[in-house]
mmCIF file of all heavy atoms, coordinates in Angstrom:
data_MODEL
# 
_entry.id   MODEL 
# 
loop_
_atom_site.group_PDB 
_atom_site.id 
_atom_site.type_symbol 
_atom_site.label_atom_id 
_atom_site.label_alt_id 
_atom_site.label_comp_id 
_atom_site.label_asym_id 
_atom_site.label_entity_id 
_atom_site.label_seq_id 
_atom_site.pdbx_PDB_ins_code 
_atom_site.Cartn_x 
_atom_site.Cartn_y 
_atom_site.Cartn_z 
_atom_site.occupancy 
_atom_site.B_iso_or_equiv 
_atom_site.pdbx_formal_charge 
_atom_site.auth_seq_id 
_atom_site.auth_comp_id 
_atom_site.auth_asym_id 
_atom_site.auth_atom_id 
_atom_site.pdbx_PDB_model_num 
ATOM 1   N N   . ASP A 1 1  ? 0.974   -9.993  8.360  1.00 0.00 ? 1  ASP A N   1 
ATOM 2   C CA  . ASP A 1 1  ? 1.226   -9.482  9.704  1.00 0.00 ? 1  ASP A CA  1 
ATOM 3   C C   . ASP A 1 1  ? 2.688   -9.069  9.863  1.00 0.00 ? 1  ASP A C   1 
ATOM 4   O O   . ASP A 1 1  ? 3.606   -9.786  9.448  1.00 0.00 ? 1  ASP A O   1 
ATOM 5   C CB  . ASP A 1 1  ? 0.895   -10.547 10.748 1.00 0.00 ? 1  ASP A CB  1 
ATOM 6   C CG  . ASP A 1 1  ? -0.594  -10.843 10.795 1.00 0.00 ? 1  ASP A CG  1 
ATOM 7   O OD1 . ASP A 1 1  ? -1.364  -9.969  10.381 1.00 0.00 ? 1  ASP A OD1 1 
ATOM 8   O OD2 . ASP A 1 1  ? -0.973  -11.945 11.232 1.00 0.00 ? 1  ASP A OD2 1 
ATOM 9   N N   . SER A 1 2  ? 2.892   -7.902  10.449 1.00 0.00 ? 2  SER A N   1 
ATOM 10  C CA  . SER A 1 2  ? 4.245   -7.383  10.700 1.00 0.00 ? 2  SER A CA  1 
ATOM 11  C C   . SER A 1 2  ? 4.139   -6.225  11.671 1.00 0.00 ? 2  SER A C   1 
ATOM 12  O O   . SER A 1 2  ? 3.044   -5.761  12.008 1.00 0.00 ? 2  SER A O   1 
ATOM 13  C CB  . SER A 1 2  ? 4.903   -6.921  9.399  1.00 0.00 ? 2  SER A CB  1 
ATOM 14  O OG  . SER A 1 2  ? 4.195   -5.812  8.866  1.00 0.00 ? 2  SER A OG  1 
ATOM 15  N N   . ARG A 1 3  ? 5.297   -5.724  12.123 1.00 0.00 ? 3  ARG A N   1 
ATOM 16  C CA  . ARG A 1 3  ? 5.297   -4.560  13.010 1.00 0.00 ? 3  ARG A CA  1 
ATOM 17  C C   . ARG A 1 3  ? 4.759   -3.325  12.297 1.00 0.00 ? 3  ARG A C   1 
ATOM 18  O O   . ARG A 1 3  ? 4.054   -2.506  12.891 1.00 0.00 ? 3  ARG A O   1 
ATOM 19  C CB  . ARG A 1 3  ? 6.714   -4.298  13.516 1.00 0.00 ? 3  ARG A CB  1 
ATOM 20  C CG  . ARG A 1 3  ? 7.243   -5.347  14.484 1.00 0.00 ? 3  ARG A CG  1 
ATOM 21  C CD  . ARG A 1 3  ? 8.622   -4.960  14.978 1.00 0.00 ? 3  ARG A CD  1 
ATOM 22  N NE  . ARG A 1 3  ? 9.134   -5.957  15.930 1.00 0.00 ? 3  ARG A NE  1 
ATOM 23  C CZ  . ARG A 1 3  ? 10.320  -5.894  16.512 1.00 0.00 ? 3  ARG A CZ  1 
ATOM 24  N NH1 . ARG A 1 3  ? 11.127  -4.870  16.240 1.00 0.00 ? 3  ARG A NH1 1 
ATOM 25  N NH2 . ARG A 1 3  ? 10.706  -6.826  17.352 1.00 0.00 ? 3  ARG A NH2 1 
ATOM 26  N N   . ILE A 1 4  ? 5.118   -3.215  11.019 1.00 0.00 ? 4  ILE A N   1 
ATOM 27  C CA  . ILE A 1 4  ? 4.645   -2.061  10.251 1.00 0.00 ? 4  ILE A CA  1 
ATOM 28  C C   . ILE A 1 4  ? 3.122   -2.102  10.132 1.00 0.00 ? 4  ILE A C   1 
ATOM 29  O O   . ILE A 1 4  ? 2.438   -1.079  10.263 1.00 0.00 ? 4  ILE A O   1 
ATOM 30  C CB  . ILE A 1 4  ? 5.283   -2.043  8.850  1.00 0.00 ? 4  ILE A CB  1 
ATOM 31  C CG1 . ILE A 1 4  ? 6.798   -1.852  8.969  1.00 0.00 ? 4  ILE A CG1 1 
ATOM 32  C CG2 . ILE A 1 4  ? 4.675   -0.931  8.004  1.00 0.00 ? 4  ILE A CG2 1 
ATOM 33  C CD1 . ILE A 1 4  ? 7.521   -1.889  7.639  1.00 0.00 ? 4  ILE A CD1 1 
ATOM 34  N N   . LYS A 1 5  ? 2.575   -3.300  9.891  1.00 0.00 ? 5  LYS A N   1 
ATOM 35  C CA  . LYS A 1 5  ? 1.122   -3.428  9.789  1.00 0.00 ? 5  LYS A CA  1 
ATOM 36  C C   . LYS A 1 5  ? 0.458   -3.077  11.117 1.00 0.00 ? 5  LYS A C   1 
ATOM 37  O O   . LYS A 1 5  ? -0.568  -2.392  11.144 1.00 0.00 ? 5  LYS A O   1 
ATOM 38  C CB  . LYS A 1 5  ? 0.750   -4.855  9.385  1.00 0.00 ? 5  LYS A CB  1 
ATOM 39  C CG  . LYS A 1 5  ? -0.761  -5.057  9.233  1.00 0.00 ? 5  LYS A CG  1 
ATOM 40  C CD  . LYS A 1 5  ? -1.096  -6.467  8.788  1.00 0.00 ? 5  LYS A CD  1 
ATOM 41  C CE  . LYS A 1 5  ? -2.602  -6.639  8.622  1.00 0.00 ? 5  LYS A CE  1 
ATOM 42  N NZ  . LYS A 1 5  ? -2.972  -8.001  8.171  1.00 0.00 ? 5  LYS A NZ  1 
ATOM 43  N N   . ALA A 1 6  ? 1.062   -3.536  12.220 1.00 0.00 ? 6  ALA A N   1 
ATOM 44  C CA  . ALA A 1 6  ? 0.508   -3.230  13.542 1.00 0.00 ? 6  ALA A CA  1 
ATOM 45  C C   . ALA A 1 6  ? 0.540   -1.735  13.817 1.00 0.00 ? 6  ALA A C   1 
ATOM 46  O O   . ALA A 1 6  ? -0.421  -1.160  14.349 1.00 0.00 ? 6  ALA A O   1 
ATOM 47  C CB  . ALA A 1 6  ? 1.293   -3.970  14.613 1.00 0.00 ? 6  ALA A CB  1 
ATOM 48  N N   . THR A 1 7  ? 1.652   -1.077  13.433 1.00 0.00 ? 7  THR A N   1 
ATOM 49  C CA  . THR A 1 7  ? 1.776   0.371   13.635 1.00 0.00 ? 7  THR A CA  1 
ATOM 50  C C   . THR A 1 7  ? 0.745   1.120   12.804 1.00 0.00 ? 7  THR A C   1 
ATOM 51  O O   . THR A 1 7  ? 0.087   2.044   13.288 1.00 0.00 ? 7  THR A O   1 
ATOM 52  C CB  . THR A 1 7  ? 3.186   0.845   13.254 1.00 0.00 ? 7  THR A CB  1 
ATOM 53  O OG1 . THR A 1 7  ? 4.143   0.138   14.049 1.00 0.00 ? 7  THR A OG1 1 
ATOM 54  C CG2 . THR A 1 7  ? 3.335   2.340   13.482 1.00 0.00 ? 7  THR A CG2 1 
ATOM 55  N N   . SER A 1 8  ? 0.626   0.723   11.533 1.00 0.00 ? 8  SER A N   1 
ATOM 56  C CA  . SER A 1 8  ? -0.348  1.366   10.657 1.00 0.00 ? 8  SER A CA  1 
ATOM 57  C C   . SER A 1 8  ? -1.767  1.167   11.176 1.00 0.00 ? 8  SER A C   1 
ATOM 58  O O   . SER A 1 8  ? -2.593  2.090   11.145 1.00 0.00 ? 8  SER A O   1 
ATOM 59  C CB  . SER A 1 8  ? -0.221  0.794   9.241  1.00 0.00 ? 8  SER A CB  1 
ATOM 60  O OG  . SER A 1 8  ? -1.201  1.325   8.389  1.00 0.00 ? 8  SER A OG  1 
ATOM 61  N N   . ALA A 1 9  ? -2.061  -0.043  11.668 1.00 0.00 ? 9  ALA A N   1 
ATOM 62  C CA  . ALA A 1 9  ? -3.392  -0.336  12.202 1.00 0.00 ? 9  ALA A CA  1 
ATOM 63  C C   . ALA A 1 9  ? -3.691  0.519   13.427 1.00 0.00 ? 9  ALA A C   1 
ATOM 64  O O   . ALA A 1 9  ? -4.793  1.058   13.575 1.00 0.00 ? 9  ALA A O   1 
ATOM 65  C CB  . ALA A 1 9  ? -3.507  -1.816  12.551 1.00 0.00 ? 9  ALA A CB  1 
ATOM 66  N N   . ALA A 1 10 ? -2.684  0.640   14.316 1.00 0.00 ? 10 ALA A N   1 
ATOM 67  C CA  . ALA A 1 10 ? -2.869  1.458   15.523 1.00 0.00 ? 10 ALA A CA  1 
ATOM 68  C C   . ALA A 1 10 ? -3.117  2.923   15.157 1.00 0.00 ? 10 ALA A C   1 
ATOM 69  O O   . ALA A 1 10 ? -3.992  3.586   15.741 1.00 0.00 ? 10 ALA A O   1 
ATOM 70  C CB  . ALA A 1 10 ? -1.642  1.337   16.421 1.00 0.00 ? 10 ALA A CB  1 
ATOM 71  N N   . PHE A 1 11 ? -2.342  3.422   14.196 1.00 0.00 ? 11 PHE A N   1 
ATOM 72  C CA  . PHE A 1 11 ? -2.511  4.809   13.743 1.00 0.00 ? 11 PHE A CA  1 
ATOM 73  C C   . PHE A 1 11 ? -3.902  5.007   13.152 1.00 0.00 ? 11 PHE A C   1 
ATOM 74  O O   . PHE A 1 11 ? -4.575  6.015   13.406 1.00 0.00 ? 11 PHE A O   1 
ATOM 75  C CB  . PHE A 1 11 ? -1.432  5.128   12.710 1.00 0.00 ? 11 PHE A CB  1 
ATOM 76  C CG  . PHE A 1 11 ? -1.430  6.552   12.244 1.00 0.00 ? 11 PHE A CG  1 
ATOM 77  C CD1 . PHE A 1 11 ? -1.348  7.604   13.138 1.00 0.00 ? 11 PHE A CD1 1 
ATOM 78  C CD2 . PHE A 1 11 ? -1.508  6.844   10.881 1.00 0.00 ? 11 PHE A CD2 1 
ATOM 79  C CE1 . PHE A 1 11 ? -1.344  8.924   12.705 1.00 0.00 ? 11 PHE A CE1 1 
ATOM 80  C CE2 . PHE A 1 11 ? -1.503  8.154   10.435 1.00 0.00 ? 11 PHE A CE2 1 
ATOM 81  C CZ  . PHE A 1 11 ? -1.421  9.199   11.355 1.00 0.00 ? 11 PHE A CZ  1 
ATOM 82  N N   . SER A 1 12 ? -4.357  4.035   12.371 1.00 0.00 ? 12 SER A N   1 
ATOM 83  C CA  . SER A 1 12 ? -5.674  4.123   11.748 1.00 0.00 ? 12 SER A CA  1 
ATOM 84  C C   . SER A 1 12 ? -6.790  4.089   12.788 1.00 0.00 ? 12 SER A C   1 
ATOM 85  O O   . SER A 1 12 ? -7.796  4.793   12.654 1.00 0.00 ? 12 SER A O   1 
ATOM 86  C CB  . SER A 1 12 ? -5.855  2.969   10.754 1.00 0.00 ? 12 SER A CB  1 
ATOM 87  O OG  . SER A 1 12 ? -4.902  3.048   9.720  1.00 0.00 ? 12 SER A OG  1 
ATOM 88  N N   . VAL A 1 13 ? -6.609  3.271   13.814 1.00 0.00 ? 13 VAL A N   1 
ATOM 89  C CA  . VAL A 1 13 ? -7.600  3.200   14.891 1.00 0.00 ? 13 VAL A CA  1 
ATOM 90  C C   . VAL A 1 13 ? -7.727  4.550   15.594 1.00 0.00 ? 13 VAL A C   1 
ATOM 91  O O   . VAL A 1 13 ? -8.837  5.016   15.901 1.00 0.00 ? 13 VAL A O   1 
ATOM 92  C CB  . VAL A 1 13 ? -7.236  2.093   15.902 1.00 0.00 ? 13 VAL A CB  1 
ATOM 93  C CG1 . VAL A 1 13 ? -8.087  2.212   17.171 1.00 0.00 ? 13 VAL A CG1 1 
ATOM 94  C CG2 . VAL A 1 13 ? -7.423  0.726   15.279 1.00 0.00 ? 13 VAL A CG2 1 
ATOM 95  N N   . LEU A 1 14 ? -6.593  5.212   15.830 1.00 0.00 ? 14 LEU A N   1 
ATOM 96  C CA  . LEU A 1 14 ? -6.609  6.532   16.478 1.00 0.00 ? 14 LEU A CA  1 
ATOM 97  C C   . LEU A 1 14 ? -7.360  7.544   15.615 1.00 0.00 ? 14 LEU A C   1 
ATOM 98  O O   . LEU A 1 14 ? -8.154  8.348   16.125 1.00 0.00 ? 14 LEU A O   1 
ATOM 99  C CB  . LEU A 1 14 ? -5.186  7.009   16.736 1.00 0.00 ? 14 LEU A CB  1 
ATOM 100 C CG  . LEU A 1 14 ? -4.399  6.262   17.821 1.00 0.00 ? 14 LEU A CG  1 
ATOM 101 C CD1 . LEU A 1 14 ? -2.964  6.773   17.881 1.00 0.00 ? 14 LEU A CD1 1 
ATOM 102 C CD2 . LEU A 1 14 ? -5.066  6.424   19.182 1.00 0.00 ? 14 LEU A CD2 1 
ATOM 103 N N   . ILE A 1 15 ? -7.107  7.503   14.315 1.00 0.00 ? 15 ILE A N   1 
ATOM 104 C CA  . ILE A 1 15 ? -7.811  8.412   13.407 1.00 0.00 ? 15 ILE A CA  1 
ATOM 105 C C   . ILE A 1 15 ? -9.303  8.106   13.414 1.00 0.00 ? 15 ILE A C   1 
ATOM 106 O O   . ILE A 1 15 ? -10.140 9.024   13.451 1.00 0.00 ? 15 ILE A O   1 
ATOM 107 C CB  . ILE A 1 15 ? -7.257  8.295   11.977 1.00 0.00 ? 15 ILE A CB  1 
ATOM 108 C CG1 . ILE A 1 15 ? -5.779  8.686   11.931 1.00 0.00 ? 15 ILE A CG1 1 
ATOM 109 C CG2 . ILE A 1 15 ? -8.050  9.196   11.028 1.00 0.00 ? 15 ILE A CG2 1 
ATOM 110 C CD1 . ILE A 1 15 ? -5.125  8.464   10.581 1.00 0.00 ? 15 ILE A CD1 1 
ATOM 111 N N   . ALA A 1 16 ? -9.655  6.808   13.391 1.00 0.00 ? 16 ALA A N   1 
ATOM 112 C CA  . ALA A 1 16 ? -11.065 6.414   13.389 1.00 0.00 ? 16 ALA A CA  1 
ATOM 113 C C   . ALA A 1 16 ? -11.770 6.885   14.657 1.00 0.00 ? 16 ALA A C   1 
ATOM 114 O O   . ALA A 1 16 ? -12.916 7.353   14.610 1.00 0.00 ? 16 ALA A O   1 
ATOM 115 C CB  . ALA A 1 16 ? -11.178 4.890   13.253 1.00 0.00 ? 16 ALA A CB  1 
ATOM 116 N N   . ILE A 1 17 ? -11.085 6.770   15.790 1.00 0.00 ? 17 ILE A N   1 
ATOM 117 C CA  . ILE A 1 17 ? -11.657 7.246   17.055 1.00 0.00 ? 17 ILE A CA  1 
ATOM 118 C C   . ILE A 1 17 ? -11.880 8.752   16.992 1.00 0.00 ? 17 ILE A C   1 
ATOM 119 O O   . ILE A 1 17 ? -12.917 9.272   17.423 1.00 0.00 ? 17 ILE A O   1 
ATOM 120 C CB  . ILE A 1 17 ? -10.735 6.887   18.239 1.00 0.00 ? 17 ILE A CB  1 
ATOM 121 C CG1 . ILE A 1 17 ? -10.728 5.374   18.452 1.00 0.00 ? 17 ILE A CG1 1 
ATOM 122 C CG2 . ILE A 1 17 ? -11.197 7.599   19.520 1.00 0.00 ? 17 ILE A CG2 1 
ATOM 123 C CD1 . ILE A 1 17 ? -9.729  4.908   19.477 1.00 0.00 ? 17 ILE A CD1 1 
ATOM 124 N N   . GLY A 1 18 ? -10.897 9.478   16.435 1.00 0.00 ? 18 GLY A N   1 
ATOM 125 C CA  . GLY A 1 18 ? -11.030 10.924  16.296 1.00 0.00 ? 18 GLY A CA  1 
ATOM 126 C C   . GLY A 1 18 ? -12.211 11.307  15.423 1.00 0.00 ? 18 GLY A C   1 
ATOM 127 O O   . GLY A 1 18 ? -12.974 12.229  15.746 1.00 0.00 ? 18 GLY A O   1 
ATOM 128 N N   . ILE A 1 19 ? -12.391 10.588  14.315 1.00 0.00 ? 19 ILE A N   1 
ATOM 129 C CA  . ILE A 1 19 ? -13.525 10.850  13.422 1.00 0.00 ? 19 ILE A CA  1 
ATOM 130 C C   . ILE A 1 19 ? -14.846 10.582  14.135 1.00 0.00 ? 19 ILE A C   1 
ATOM 131 O O   . ILE A 1 19 ? -15.798 11.363  14.028 1.00 0.00 ? 19 ILE A O   1 
ATOM 132 C CB  . ILE A 1 19 ? -13.414 9.980   12.156 1.00 0.00 ? 19 ILE A CB  1 
ATOM 133 C CG1 . ILE A 1 19 ? -12.219 10.438  11.308 1.00 0.00 ? 19 ILE A CG1 1 
ATOM 134 C CG2 . ILE A 1 19 ? -14.696 10.046  11.336 1.00 0.00 ? 19 ILE A CG2 1 
ATOM 135 C CD1 . ILE A 1 19 ? -11.930 9.545   10.128 1.00 0.00 ? 19 ILE A CD1 1 
ATOM 136 N N   . ALA A 1 20 ? -14.904 9.476   14.872 1.00 0.00 ? 20 ALA A N   1 
ATOM 137 C CA  . ALA A 1 20 ? -16.132 9.134   15.607 1.00 0.00 ? 20 ALA A CA  1 
ATOM 138 C C   . ALA A 1 20 ? -16.463 10.198  16.649 1.00 0.00 ? 20 ALA A C   1 
ATOM 139 O O   . ALA A 1 20 ? -17.627 10.592  16.809 1.00 0.00 ? 20 ALA A O   1 
ATOM 140 C CB  . ALA A 1 20 ? -15.976 7.772   16.277 1.00 0.00 ? 20 ALA A CB  1 
ATOM 141 N N   . VAL A 1 21 ? -15.428 10.688  17.349 1.00 0.00 ? 21 VAL A N   1 
ATOM 142 C CA  . VAL A 1 21 ? -15.636 11.727  18.370 1.00 0.00 ? 21 VAL A CA  1 
ATOM 143 C C   . VAL A 1 21 ? -16.165 13.008  17.731 1.00 0.00 ? 21 VAL A C   1 
ATOM 144 O O   . VAL A 1 21 ? -17.113 13.628  18.232 1.00 0.00 ? 21 VAL A O   1 
ATOM 145 C CB  . VAL A 1 21 ? -14.327 11.997  19.134 1.00 0.00 ? 21 VAL A CB  1 
ATOM 146 C CG1 . VAL A 1 21 ? -14.462 13.252  20.002 1.00 0.00 ? 21 VAL A CG1 1 
ATOM 147 C CG2 . VAL A 1 21 ? -13.954 10.798  20.002 1.00 0.00 ? 21 VAL A CG2 1 
ATOM 148 N N   . ILE A 1 22 ? -15.549 13.409  16.611 1.00 0.00 ? 22 ILE A N   1 
ATOM 149 C CA  . ILE A 1 22 ? -15.989 14.631  15.920 1.00 0.00 ? 22 ILE A CA  1 
ATOM 150 C C   . ILE A 1 22 ? -17.428 14.490  15.429 1.00 0.00 ? 22 ILE A C   1 
ATOM 151 O O   . ILE A 1 22 ? -18.247 15.406  15.587 1.00 0.00 ? 22 ILE A O   1 
ATOM 152 C CB  . ILE A 1 22 ? -15.052 14.941  14.743 1.00 0.00 ? 22 ILE A CB  1 
ATOM 153 C CG1 . ILE A 1 22 ? -13.655 15.319  15.256 1.00 0.00 ? 22 ILE A CG1 1 
ATOM 154 C CG2 . ILE A 1 22 ? -15.611 16.086  13.889 1.00 0.00 ? 22 ILE A CG2 1 
ATOM 155 C CD1 . ILE A 1 22 ? -12.614 15.441  14.165 1.00 0.00 ? 22 ILE A CD1 1 
ATOM 156 N N   . TYR A 1 23 ? -17.726 13.334  14.837 1.00 0.00 ? 23 TYR A N   1 
ATOM 157 C CA  . TYR A 1 23 ? -19.084 13.122  14.318 1.00 0.00 ? 23 TYR A CA  1 
ATOM 158 C C   . TYR A 1 23 ? -20.117 13.137  15.447 1.00 0.00 ? 23 TYR A C   1 
ATOM 159 O O   . TYR A 1 23 ? -21.168 13.778  15.344 1.00 0.00 ? 23 TYR A O   1 
ATOM 160 C CB  . TYR A 1 23 ? -19.151 11.796  13.561 1.00 0.00 ? 23 TYR A CB  1 
ATOM 161 C CG  . TYR A 1 23 ? -20.521 11.493  13.002 1.00 0.00 ? 23 TYR A CG  1 
ATOM 162 C CD1 . TYR A 1 23 ? -20.991 12.166  11.878 1.00 0.00 ? 23 TYR A CD1 1 
ATOM 163 C CD2 . TYR A 1 23 ? -21.354 10.557  13.616 1.00 0.00 ? 23 TYR A CD2 1 
ATOM 164 C CE1 . TYR A 1 23 ? -22.253 11.903  11.370 1.00 0.00 ? 23 TYR A CE1 1 
ATOM 165 C CE2 . TYR A 1 23 ? -22.618 10.290  13.115 1.00 0.00 ? 23 TYR A CE2 1 
ATOM 166 C CZ  . TYR A 1 23 ? -23.053 10.972  11.993 1.00 0.00 ? 23 TYR A CZ  1 
ATOM 167 O OH  . TYR A 1 23 ? -24.303 10.726  11.493 1.00 0.00 ? 23 TYR A OH  1 
ATOM 168 N N   . LEU A 1 24 ? -19.817 12.437  16.548 1.00 0.00 ? 24 LEU A N   1 
ATOM 169 C CA  . LEU A 1 24 ? -20.746 12.389  17.678 1.00 0.00 ? 24 LEU A CA  1 
ATOM 170 C C   . LEU A 1 24 ? -20.890 13.757  18.334 1.00 0.00 ? 24 LEU A C   1 
ATOM 171 O O   . LEU A 1 24 ? -21.986 14.129  18.785 1.00 0.00 ? 24 LEU A O   1 
ATOM 172 C CB  . LEU A 1 24 ? -20.275 11.352  18.702 1.00 0.00 ? 24 LEU A CB  1 
ATOM 173 C CG  . LEU A 1 24 ? -20.363 9.891   18.249 1.00 0.00 ? 24 LEU A CG  1 
ATOM 174 C CD1 . LEU A 1 24 ? -19.724 8.970   19.287 1.00 0.00 ? 24 LEU A CD1 1 
ATOM 175 C CD2 . LEU A 1 24 ? -21.819 9.479   18.001 1.00 0.00 ? 24 LEU A CD2 1 
ATOM 176 N N   . TRP A 1 25 ? -19.780 14.502  18.390 1.00 0.00 ? 25 TRP A N   1 
ATOM 177 C CA  . TRP A 1 25 ? -19.846 15.851  18.966 1.00 0.00 ? 25 TRP A CA  1 
ATOM 178 C C   . TRP A 1 25 ? -20.730 16.763  18.118 1.00 0.00 ? 25 TRP A C   1 
ATOM 179 O O   . TRP A 1 25 ? -21.545 17.519  18.641 1.00 0.00 ? 25 TRP A O   1 
ATOM 180 C CB  . TRP A 1 25 ? -18.446 16.438  19.099 1.00 0.00 ? 25 TRP A CB  1 
ATOM 181 C CG  . TRP A 1 25 ? -18.453 17.872  19.547 1.00 0.00 ? 25 TRP A CG  1 
ATOM 182 C CD1 . TRP A 1 25 ? -18.238 18.991  18.796 1.00 0.00 ? 25 TRP A CD1 1 
ATOM 183 C CD2 . TRP A 1 25 ? -18.720 18.350  20.876 1.00 0.00 ? 25 TRP A CD2 1 
ATOM 184 N NE1 . TRP A 1 25 ? -18.354 20.122  19.558 1.00 0.00 ? 25 TRP A NE1 1 
ATOM 185 C CE2 . TRP A 1 25 ? -18.651 19.762  20.829 1.00 0.00 ? 25 TRP A CE2 1 
ATOM 186 C CE3 . TRP A 1 25 ? -19.004 17.705  22.082 1.00 0.00 ? 25 TRP A CE3 1 
ATOM 187 C CZ2 . TRP A 1 25 ? -18.856 20.532  21.976 1.00 0.00 ? 25 TRP A CZ2 1 
ATOM 188 C CZ3 . TRP A 1 25 ? -19.219 18.487  23.211 1.00 0.00 ? 25 TRP A CZ3 1 
ATOM 189 C CH2 . TRP A 1 25 ? -19.143 19.881  23.144 1.00 0.00 ? 25 TRP A CH2 1 
ATOM 190 N N   . ASN A 1 26 ? -20.570 16.695  16.777 1.00 0.00 ? 26 ASN A N   1 
ATOM 191 C CA  . ASN A 1 26 ? -21.418 17.487  15.899 1.00 0.00 ? 26 ASN A CA  1 
ATOM 192 C C   . ASN A 1 26 ? -22.879 17.098  16.051 1.00 0.00 ? 26 ASN A C   1 
ATOM 193 O O   . ASN A 1 26 ? -23.775 17.943  16.054 1.00 0.00 ? 26 ASN A O   1 
ATOM 194 C CB  . ASN A 1 26 ? -20.982 17.298  14.439 1.00 0.00 ? 26 ASN A CB  1 
ATOM 195 C CG  . ASN A 1 26 ? -19.683 18.005  14.116 1.00 0.00 ? 26 ASN A CG  1 
ATOM 196 O OD1 . ASN A 1 26 ? -19.258 18.892  14.854 1.00 0.00 ? 26 ASN A OD1 1 
ATOM 197 N ND2 . ASN A 1 26 ? -19.044 17.610  13.039 1.00 0.00 ? 26 ASN A ND2 1 
ATOM 198 N N   . LEU A 1 27 ? -23.117 15.777  16.171 1.00 0.00 ? 27 LEU A N   1 
ATOM 199 C CA  . LEU A 1 27 ? -24.478 15.288  16.337 1.00 0.00 ? 27 LEU A CA  1 
ATOM 200 C C   . LEU A 1 27 ? -25.064 15.763  17.663 1.00 0.00 ? 27 LEU A C   1 
ATOM 201 O O   . LEU A 1 27 ? -26.207 16.238  17.728 1.00 0.00 ? 27 LEU A O   1 
ATOM 202 C CB  . LEU A 1 27 ? -24.483 13.762  16.264 1.00 0.00 ? 27 LEU A CB  1 
ATOM 203 C CG  . LEU A 1 27 ? -25.852 13.069  16.231 1.00 0.00 ? 27 LEU A CG  1 
ATOM 204 C CD1 . LEU A 1 27 ? -26.599 13.451  14.962 1.00 0.00 ? 27 LEU A CD1 1 
ATOM 205 C CD2 . LEU A 1 27 ? -25.672 11.562  16.310 1.00 0.00 ? 27 LEU A CD2 1 
ATOM 206 N N   . PHE A 1 28 ? -24.264 15.662  18.730 1.00 0.00 ? 28 PHE A N   1 
ATOM 207 C CA  . PHE A 1 28 ? -24.707 16.089  20.054 1.00 0.00 ? 28 PHE A CA  1 
ATOM 208 C C   . PHE A 1 28 ? -24.952 17.595  20.093 1.00 0.00 ? 28 PHE A C   1 
ATOM 209 O O   . PHE A 1 28 ? -25.951 18.066  20.648 1.00 0.00 ? 28 PHE A O   1 
ATOM 210 C CB  . PHE A 1 28 ? -23.657 15.697  21.097 1.00 0.00 ? 28 PHE A CB  1 
ATOM 211 C CG  . PHE A 1 28 ? -23.974 16.155  22.495 1.00 0.00 ? 28 PHE A CG  1 
ATOM 212 C CD1 . PHE A 1 28 ? -24.931 15.510  23.260 1.00 0.00 ? 28 PHE A CD1 1 
ATOM 213 C CD2 . PHE A 1 28 ? -23.313 17.251  23.044 1.00 0.00 ? 28 PHE A CD2 1 
ATOM 214 C CE1 . PHE A 1 28 ? -25.230 15.937  24.544 1.00 0.00 ? 28 PHE A CE1 1 
ATOM 215 C CE2 . PHE A 1 28 ? -23.604 17.689  24.332 1.00 0.00 ? 28 PHE A CE2 1 
ATOM 216 C CZ  . PHE A 1 28 ? -24.566 17.029  25.080 1.00 0.00 ? 28 PHE A CZ  1 
ATOM 217 N N   . SER A 1 29 ? -24.032 18.353  19.476 1.00 0.00 ? 29 SER A N   1 
ATOM 218 C CA  . SER A 1 29 ? -24.177 19.815  19.459 1.00 0.00 ? 29 SER A CA  1 
ATOM 219 C C   . SER A 1 29 ? -25.438 20.227  18.724 1.00 0.00 ? 29 SER A C   1 
ATOM 220 O O   . SER A 1 29 ? -26.124 21.174  19.114 1.00 0.00 ? 29 SER A O   1 
ATOM 221 C CB  . SER A 1 29 ? -22.954 20.455  18.800 1.00 0.00 ? 29 SER A CB  1 
ATOM 222 O OG  . SER A 1 29 ? -21.786 20.165  19.530 1.00 0.00 ? 29 SER A OG  1 
# 
């Protein structure tokens, strides 16, 4: 655990949310 780990985790979560949105949008479309 560290600030760098927290920052990396937050960045990864944002990317994961973006991927989920794109996938769901393609599925919905």
